[in-house]
Amino acid sequence: MGGMEDVHDGHEHGMDHEHEWMDNADSSVMAYCVKACSTTNEDPCGNGKGQSSACTDVSLELPAAFGFDPSDPPSSFLGCTNDVCADDCAAMETTALADIQGDTVCFPVKDTMDGMFPTKDDAELAAVARGCVGSHSMGNMGVMIGSTHTACESSFTKEGVRLGSSAAPSASSVSPVLVAVMTGVGTMIAML
């Protein structure tokens, strides 16, 4: 798709290097990727797995930038597992911030500032590709993946999760101490 290179050609937009958690910690991951879901295909990655247990709603402001028909853009997406991304993104343009490969939007892993993008659409799709949601503005630095600053810090797993499974632990599998930690110090003291 020719237009993608014009919009996502790897420029840094004045981003600084204070966000070291975005540095690529796992050199075996070369790209994160996302595919559009539809009512007829809720397993767009094709292996029964994704970065979340179901497709995630994303409302694109400029769907044509990703090769989608603006009159009927997809409304939900699924982040794929590392093996699907490695196969589908093997021919991607690695200097781009995002690259379209067939029906896959690929986000090459960057050595620094990985997770910062020039547009909200880029950041929100890249967040889904990593198993989290949303984006937030970093002012003149761009738009960062995740609804909060650390939302996507540990969300990606190479093997993904089974579609239709519960990605969060069930109440019966959470220990009382963990629940106390999750609900606050006051509750933890009351449980002791």
Protein backbone atom coordinates (compact mmCIF):
# COMPACT_ATOMS: atom_id res chain seq x y z
CA MET A 1 0.00 0.00 0.00
CA GLY A 2 1.75 3.10 -1.22
CA GLY A 3 0.12 5.67 1.09
CA MET A 4 1.35 3.96 4.22
CA GLU A 5 4.98 4.88 3.62
CA ASP A 6 4.01 8.55 3.25
CA VAL A 7 2.24 8.63 6.61
CA HIS A 8 4.43 6.19 8.56
CA ASP A 9 7.96 6.59 7.27
CA GLY A 10 9.83 6.23 10.54
CA HIS A 11 10.21 9.90 11.46
CA GLU A 12 10.75 10.53 15.15
CA HIS A 13 8.62 13.71 15.66
CA GLY A 14 11.02 15.18 18.22
CA MET A 15 10.62 12.29 20.63
CA ASP A 16 13.10 12.12 23.48
CA HIS A 17 14.52 9.01 25.07
CA GLU A 18 13.19 9.26 28.65
CA HIS A 19 10.84 6.28 28.30
CA GLU A 20 13.33 3.45 28.59
CA TRP A 21 10.66 0.79 29.26
CA MET A 22 9.77 1.12 25.60
CA ASP A 23 13.21 -0.11 24.59
CA ASN A 24 13.02 -3.53 22.94
CA ALA A 25 13.80 -6.00 25.72
CA ASP A 26 13.19 -9.22 23.73
CA SER A 27 15.25 -9.33 20.54
CA SER A 28 13.35 -12.41 19.27
CA VAL A 29 10.21 -10.29 18.76
CA MET A 30 10.63 -8.48 15.44
CA ALA A 31 7.09 -7.11 15.03
CA TYR A 32 3.75 -6.79 16.70
CA CYS A 33 0.76 -7.13 14.42
CA VAL A 34 -2.99 -6.70 14.28
CA LYS A 35 -5.75 -7.96 11.97
CA ALA A 36 -9.29 -6.71 11.48
CA CYS A 37 -12.11 -8.83 12.88
CA SER A 38 -15.51 -9.25 11.28
CA THR A 39 -18.79 -10.91 12.16
CA THR A 40 -17.81 -13.81 9.90
CA ASN A 41 -14.20 -14.07 11.15
CA GLU A 42 -13.58 -13.70 14.86
CA ASP A 43 -10.24 -15.57 14.49
CA PRO A 44 -8.45 -13.35 11.97
CA CYS A 45 -5.00 -14.54 13.11
CA GLY A 46 -5.99 -18.09 12.16
CA ASN A 47 -4.49 -20.02 15.07
CA GLY A 48 -7.23 -19.76 17.69
CA LYS A 49 -5.14 -17.32 19.72
CA GLY A 50 -4.57 -13.61 20.07
CA GLN A 51 -3.07 -11.04 22.39
CA SER A 52 -6.52 -10.86 24.02
CA SER A 53 -9.27 -13.44 24.30
CA ALA A 54 -11.56 -11.53 21.92
CA CYS A 55 -11.46 -8.81 19.30
CA THR A 56 -11.05 -5.26 20.66
CA ASP A 57 -13.11 -2.28 19.47
CA VAL A 58 -11.09 0.51 17.88
CA SER A 59 -12.62 3.47 16.07
CA LEU A 60 -10.18 4.60 13.38
CA GLU A 61 -10.16 8.28 12.45
CA LEU A 62 -8.37 7.64 9.12
CA PRO A 63 -9.02 4.01 8.10
CA ALA A 64 -7.70 4.57 4.56
CA ALA A 65 -4.20 5.09 6.01
CA PHE A 66 -4.29 1.37 6.86
CA GLY A 67 -5.82 0.24 3.57
CA PHE A 68 -9.40 0.01 4.87
CA ASP A 69 -12.45 1.28 2.99
CA PRO A 70 -13.44 4.56 4.72
CA SER A 71 -17.13 3.90 3.97
CA ASP A 72 -17.05 0.53 5.78
CA PRO A 73 -14.02 0.32 8.06
CA PRO A 74 -13.55 -2.54 10.51
CA SER A 75 -14.56 -1.70 14.06
CA SER A 76 -12.63 -4.38 15.95
CA PHE A 77 -9.16 -5.87 15.78
CA LEU A 78 -7.12 -8.71 17.25
CA GLY A 79 -3.42 -8.62 18.10
CA CYS A 80 -1.77 -11.83 16.87
CA THR A 81 0.78 -14.16 18.43
CA ASN A 82 4.49 -13.77 17.77
CA ASP A 83 4.62 -16.67 15.29
CA VAL A 84 1.77 -15.23 13.18
CA CYS A 85 3.39 -11.77 13.21
CA ALA A 86 6.80 -13.23 12.30
CA ASP A 87 5.28 -15.00 9.28
CA ASP A 88 2.89 -12.27 8.13
CA CYS A 89 5.33 -9.40 8.68
CA ALA A 90 8.48 -11.08 7.30
CA ALA A 91 8.57 -8.73 4.29
CA MET A 92 7.60 -5.56 6.19
CA GLU A 93 9.43 -2.28 5.84
CA THR A 94 11.41 -2.30 9.10
CA THR A 95 12.14 1.44 9.08
CA ALA A 96 8.44 2.34 9.00
CA LEU A 97 6.43 2.91 12.17
CA ALA A 98 3.72 0.68 10.65
CA ASP A 99 3.50 -1.33 7.44
CA ILE A 100 0.62 -3.14 5.75
CA GLN A 101 1.33 -6.70 4.65
CA GLY A 102 -1.78 -8.17 3.02
CA ASP A 103 -4.52 -8.15 5.69
CA THR A 104 -2.04 -7.52 8.51
CA VAL A 105 -0.91 -4.20 9.97
CA CYS A 106 2.66 -4.73 11.17
CA PHE A 107 4.45 -2.61 13.77
CA PRO A 108 8.20 -3.25 13.56
CA VAL A 109 9.89 -3.31 16.97
CA LYS A 110 12.15 -0.30 17.44
CA ASP A 111 15.32 -0.20 19.54
CA THR A 112 14.18 2.95 21.35
CA MET A 113 10.89 4.77 21.76
CA ASP A 114 9.02 1.61 20.81
CA GLY A 115 5.38 2.42 21.53
CA MET A 116 5.33 6.10 20.54
CA PHE A 117 3.50 7.07 17.35
CA PRO A 118 2.54 10.21 15.43
CA THR A 119 -1.21 9.46 15.39
CA LYS A 120 -3.90 8.12 17.71
CA ASP A 121 -4.86 5.47 15.11
CA ASP A 122 -1.28 4.13 15.02
CA ALA A 123 -1.01 4.03 18.80
CA GLU A 124 -4.41 2.38 19.35
CA LEU A 125 -3.81 -0.37 16.77
CA ALA A 126 -0.28 -0.91 18.11
CA ALA A 127 -1.74 -1.21 21.62
CA VAL A 128 -4.14 -3.96 20.48
CA ALA A 129 -1.21 -5.68 18.74
CA ARG A 130 0.47 -5.82 22.18
CA GLY A 131 -2.57 -7.01 24.12
CA CYS A 132 -3.68 -3.74 25.66
CA VAL A 133 -6.02 -0.92 24.71
CA GLY A 134 -6.17 2.80 24.17
CA SER A 135 -3.67 5.57 23.78
CA HIS A 136 -2.67 8.78 25.47
CA SER A 137 -1.07 11.97 24.25
CA MET A 138 2.52 12.77 25.14
CA GLY A 139 2.24 16.35 23.91
CA ASN A 140 4.66 17.26 21.13
CA MET A 141 6.34 13.83 21.46
CA GLY A 142 3.35 12.05 19.88
CA VAL A 143 0.81 9.49 21.03
CA MET A 144 1.78 6.57 23.24
CA ILE A 145 0.20 3.11 23.32
CA GLY A 146 -2.08 2.27 26.25
CA SER A 147 -4.75 4.21 28.06
CA THR A 148 -2.23 4.99 30.81
CA HIS A 149 1.51 5.46 30.79
CA THR A 150 2.30 1.89 31.91
CA ALA A 151 -0.80 0.05 30.56
CA CYS A 152 1.11 -1.88 27.88
CA GLU A 153 4.30 -2.48 29.85
CA SER A 154 3.79 -6.25 30.30
CA SER A 155 0.74 -7.00 28.18
CA PHE A 156 2.37 -8.79 25.20
CA THR A 157 2.95 -12.53 25.29
CA LYS A 158 4.60 -14.37 22.42
CA GLU A 159 2.17 -17.29 22.60
CA GLY A 160 -0.94 -15.13 23.22
CA VAL A 161 -4.12 -16.42 24.87
CA ARG A 162 -6.84 -18.74 23.60
CA LEU A 163 -9.73 -16.95 21.95
CA GLY A 164 -12.83 -17.12 24.11
CA SER A 165 -10.81 -17.84 27.26
CA SER A 166 -10.78 -15.67 30.33
CA ALA A 167 -7.59 -13.64 30.16
CA ALA A 168 -7.91 -12.62 33.82
CA PRO A 169 -7.72 -15.11 36.67
CA SER A 170 -11.08 -16.26 37.99
CA ALA A 171 -12.09 -15.27 41.52
CA SER A 172 -11.58 -18.83 42.73
CA SER A 173 -7.98 -18.88 41.51
CA VAL A 174 -6.92 -15.64 43.23
CA SER A 175 -5.47 -16.04 46.70
CA PRO A 176 -6.90 -13.90 49.53
CA VAL A 177 -3.52 -12.20 50.01
CA LEU A 178 -3.40 -11.21 46.34
CA VAL A 179 -6.95 -9.85 46.52
CA ALA A 180 -5.94 -7.86 49.57
CA VAL A 181 -2.95 -6.40 47.73
CA MET A 182 -5.12 -5.57 44.73
CA THR A 183 -7.81 -3.85 46.84
CA GLY A 184 -5.62 -1.73 49.08
CA VAL A 185 -3.71 -1.59 52.34
CA GLY A 186 -6.82 -1.02 54.46
CA THR A 187 -8.30 -4.28 53.26
CA MET A 188 -5.02 -6.13 53.77
CA ILE A 189 -4.82 -4.99 57.40
CA ALA A 190 -8.44 -6.04 57.96
CA MET A 191 -7.67 -9.52 56.59
CA LEU A 192 -4.63 -10.07 58.82
